[in-house]
Protein backbone atom coordinates (compact mmCIF):
# COMPACT_ATOMS: atom_id res chain seq x y z
CA MET A 1 11.65 58.39 -26.97
CA GLY A 2 8.38 56.92 -28.08
CA ASP A 3 9.03 53.21 -27.14
CA SER A 4 9.58 53.42 -23.35
CA SER A 5 6.24 51.66 -22.56
CA LYS A 6 7.04 48.35 -24.34
CA PRO A 7 9.38 46.87 -21.64
CA ASP A 8 6.80 47.70 -19.00
CA GLN A 9 4.07 45.87 -20.95
CA LYS A 10 6.27 42.75 -21.14
CA THR A 11 7.27 42.70 -17.47
CA LYS A 12 3.75 43.24 -16.09
CA PRO A 13 2.43 39.81 -17.22
CA ARG A 14 5.62 38.14 -16.01
CA ARG A 15 5.31 39.74 -12.58
CA LEU A 16 1.63 38.77 -12.43
CA TRP A 17 2.53 35.19 -13.45
CA ARG A 18 5.31 35.00 -10.80
CA LYS A 19 2.93 36.26 -8.12
CA LEU A 20 0.30 33.73 -9.18
CA VAL A 21 2.80 30.87 -9.07
CA GLY A 22 4.16 32.10 -5.74
CA PHE A 23 0.70 32.32 -4.16
CA SER A 24 -0.15 28.90 -5.58
CA LEU A 25 2.98 27.33 -4.09
CA LEU A 26 2.30 29.02 -0.76
CA GLY A 27 -1.33 27.75 -0.84
CA ILE A 28 -0.13 24.21 -1.52
CA ALA A 29 2.43 24.41 1.28
CA VAL A 30 -0.23 25.63 3.71
CA LEU A 31 -2.63 22.90 2.60
CA LEU A 32 0.04 20.23 3.11
CA VAL A 33 0.72 21.52 6.60
CA LEU A 34 -3.02 21.69 7.44
CA ILE A 35 -3.73 18.14 6.26
CA GLN A 36 -1.22 16.84 8.81
CA LEU A 37 -3.89 17.68 11.38
CA VAL A 38 -6.29 15.05 9.99
CA PRO A 39 -5.88 12.13 12.41
CA PHE A 40 -6.61 9.29 9.93
CA GLY A 41 -3.66 7.35 8.67
CA ARG A 42 -1.32 7.47 11.63
CA ASP A 43 -2.90 4.88 13.95
CA HIS A 44 -0.30 2.30 13.04
CA SER A 45 -1.79 -0.20 15.44
CA GLN A 46 -0.40 -3.65 15.47
CA PRO A 47 -3.26 -5.87 16.66
CA ALA A 48 -2.26 -9.00 18.52
CA VAL A 49 -1.46 -12.07 16.48
CA THR A 50 -4.20 -14.52 17.33
CA LYS A 51 -3.02 -17.45 15.19
CA ALA A 52 -0.19 -17.04 12.70
CA ALA A 53 -0.22 -18.83 9.35
CA PHE A 54 3.11 -20.68 9.13
CA PHE A 55 4.93 -21.27 5.86
CA ALA A 56 7.20 -24.28 6.22
CA ASP A 57 9.40 -23.28 3.32
CA PRO A 58 11.90 -20.60 4.47
CA ARG A 59 12.00 -19.03 0.97
CA ALA A 60 8.21 -18.74 0.97
CA ARG A 61 8.34 -17.15 4.42
CA GLN A 62 10.78 -14.56 3.05
CA ILE A 63 8.65 -13.84 0.01
CA ALA A 64 5.53 -13.44 2.21
CA ASP A 65 7.50 -11.15 4.55
CA ASP A 66 8.73 -9.03 1.66
CA SER A 67 5.49 -9.00 -0.38
CA CYS A 68 2.47 -9.77 1.75
CA ASN A 69 2.88 -9.14 5.47
CA ASP A 70 2.83 -5.31 5.41
CA CYS A 71 -0.82 -5.36 4.32
CA HIS A 72 -1.95 -8.90 5.11
CA SER A 73 -0.77 -9.35 8.69
CA ASN A 74 -0.61 -7.57 11.99
CA LEU A 75 3.15 -7.20 11.52
CA THR A 76 3.10 -4.13 9.30
CA ARG A 77 6.28 -2.11 8.84
CA TRP A 78 5.49 1.57 8.89
CA PRO A 79 8.12 3.61 6.90
CA TRP A 80 8.59 7.31 7.61
CA TYR A 81 6.17 8.43 4.83
CA THR A 82 3.30 6.61 6.55
CA ASN A 83 3.36 9.46 9.06
CA VAL A 84 2.89 12.18 6.43
CA ALA A 85 -0.53 12.94 4.88
CA PRO A 86 -1.73 12.27 2.23
CA ALA A 87 0.56 9.20 1.90
CA SER A 88 -0.43 8.11 5.40
CA TRP A 89 -4.13 8.04 4.31
CA LEU A 90 -3.41 5.85 1.32
CA VAL A 91 -1.17 3.43 3.22
CA GLN A 92 -3.63 3.15 6.11
CA GLN A 93 -6.47 2.41 3.66
CA ASP A 94 -4.41 -0.25 1.92
CA VAL A 95 -3.46 -1.89 5.26
CA ASP A 96 -7.06 -1.82 6.53
CA GLU A 97 -8.37 -3.36 3.31
CA GLY A 98 -5.51 -5.88 3.15
CA ARG A 99 -6.11 -7.08 6.71
CA ALA A 100 -9.83 -7.30 6.11
CA GLY A 101 -9.30 -9.31 2.91
CA MET A 102 -6.74 -11.83 4.31
CA ASN A 103 -4.80 -11.68 7.51
CA LEU A 104 -1.93 -14.10 8.03
CA SER A 105 -1.82 -13.12 11.70
CA GLU A 106 -5.47 -14.09 12.33
CA TRP A 107 -5.60 -17.51 10.73
CA ASP A 108 -8.25 -18.48 13.25
CA LYS A 109 -10.71 -16.14 11.47
CA PRO A 110 -12.36 -16.50 8.07
CA GLN A 111 -9.97 -16.18 5.13
CA PRO A 112 -10.43 -16.16 1.37
CA SER A 113 -10.50 -19.39 -0.55
CA LEU A 114 -7.27 -20.92 -1.74
CA ASP A 115 -8.42 -20.45 -5.33
CA ARG A 116 -8.97 -16.72 -4.70
CA VAL A 117 -5.48 -16.35 -3.13
CA ILE A 118 -3.82 -18.17 -5.97
CA GLU A 119 -5.73 -16.12 -8.51
CA HIS A 120 -4.50 -12.87 -6.97
CA ILE A 121 -0.87 -14.05 -6.92
CA GLU A 122 -0.75 -15.62 -10.39
CA SER A 123 -2.49 -12.65 -12.03
CA GLY A 124 0.16 -10.31 -10.65
CA GLU A 125 -2.56 -8.37 -8.82
CA MET A 126 -0.69 -9.03 -5.55
CA PRO A 127 1.36 -7.37 -4.54
CA PRO A 128 -0.12 -4.26 -6.17
CA LEU A 129 1.93 -1.99 -8.30
CA LYS A 130 1.69 0.97 -5.97
CA TYR A 131 3.42 -1.20 -3.32
CA LYS A 132 6.10 -2.55 -5.61
CA VAL A 133 7.17 0.83 -6.93
CA MET A 134 8.25 2.15 -3.51
CA PRO A 135 12.02 2.08 -3.16
CA ASN A 136 12.01 0.13 0.09
CA HIS A 137 9.78 -2.57 -1.48
CA ALA A 138 12.06 -3.71 -4.24
CA ALA A 139 11.91 -7.31 -2.93
CA ALA A 140 8.17 -7.34 -3.48
CA ARG A 141 8.68 -7.40 -7.24
CA LEU A 142 8.04 -11.11 -7.66
CA SER A 143 9.54 -13.14 -10.44
CA GLU A 144 7.63 -16.03 -11.97
CA ALA A 145 9.65 -18.44 -9.79
CA ASP A 146 8.78 -16.43 -6.66
CA ARG A 147 5.10 -16.60 -7.59
CA GLU A 148 5.30 -20.37 -8.07
CA ILE A 149 7.00 -20.72 -4.67
CA LEU A 150 4.34 -18.58 -3.00
CA VAL A 151 1.44 -20.41 -4.70
CA GLY A 152 2.99 -23.77 -3.64
CA ALA A 153 3.39 -22.51 -0.09
CA PHE A 154 -0.21 -21.40 0.11
CA ARG A 155 -1.36 -24.83 -1.26
CA VAL A 156 0.63 -26.51 1.54
CA LEU A 157 -0.63 -24.02 4.16
CA TYR A 158 -4.26 -24.56 3.18
CA ALA A 159 -3.76 -28.33 3.23
CA ARG A 160 -1.85 -28.52 6.53
CA GLN A 161 -3.15 -25.55 8.46
CA PRO A 162 -6.42 -24.51 6.87
CA PRO A 163 -8.05 -21.30 8.13
CA GLU A 164 -10.86 -21.70 10.60
CA ALA A 165 -13.38 -20.73 7.88
CA ILE A 166 -13.47 -19.61 4.31
CA LYS A 167 -15.09 -16.31 3.52
CA ALA A 168 -18.11 -16.27 1.28
CA SER A 169 -17.15 -15.04 -2.18
CA ASP A 170 -17.73 -11.35 -2.60
CA PRO A 171 -19.29 -10.58 -5.97
CA ASP A 172 -17.58 -7.13 -5.93
CA ASP A 173 -14.16 -8.82 -5.85
CA ASP A 174 -14.63 -10.36 -9.29
């Protein structure tokens, strides 16, 4: 009769652990619901296209549409997860930064130099990994041939339809 307290000693820490996990999951769920009230990240505005950059090559247009336009134009596609925080915050920040860096829908405003655009494409920096890994962005995973087509298209674009002005180089970009 002397060993009746042992099972109780084992189950107490388990119960405490389960309660702790349960409260933690409940806290996370409540936090996820509450952050939906933060208004940032669901603006999804599509400013007017003031002057569109035009790629003459249809393949280059498709590559730009698949890989560039969501962040670098006013023609952003907003998938369902862009309405759910915190993903909405991250996507909104990327779109805001992308449009500020280069906007193919506002070719009448200052744009980065051709060398800078080519550098981002050839280095693989664009499109960024966090964009390419999303399931609905599989076409943004550029092959070497796609990069060459896109670089060639930007060379033609800058020669035939140069932007109104070239932005001054930002030392923080380097």
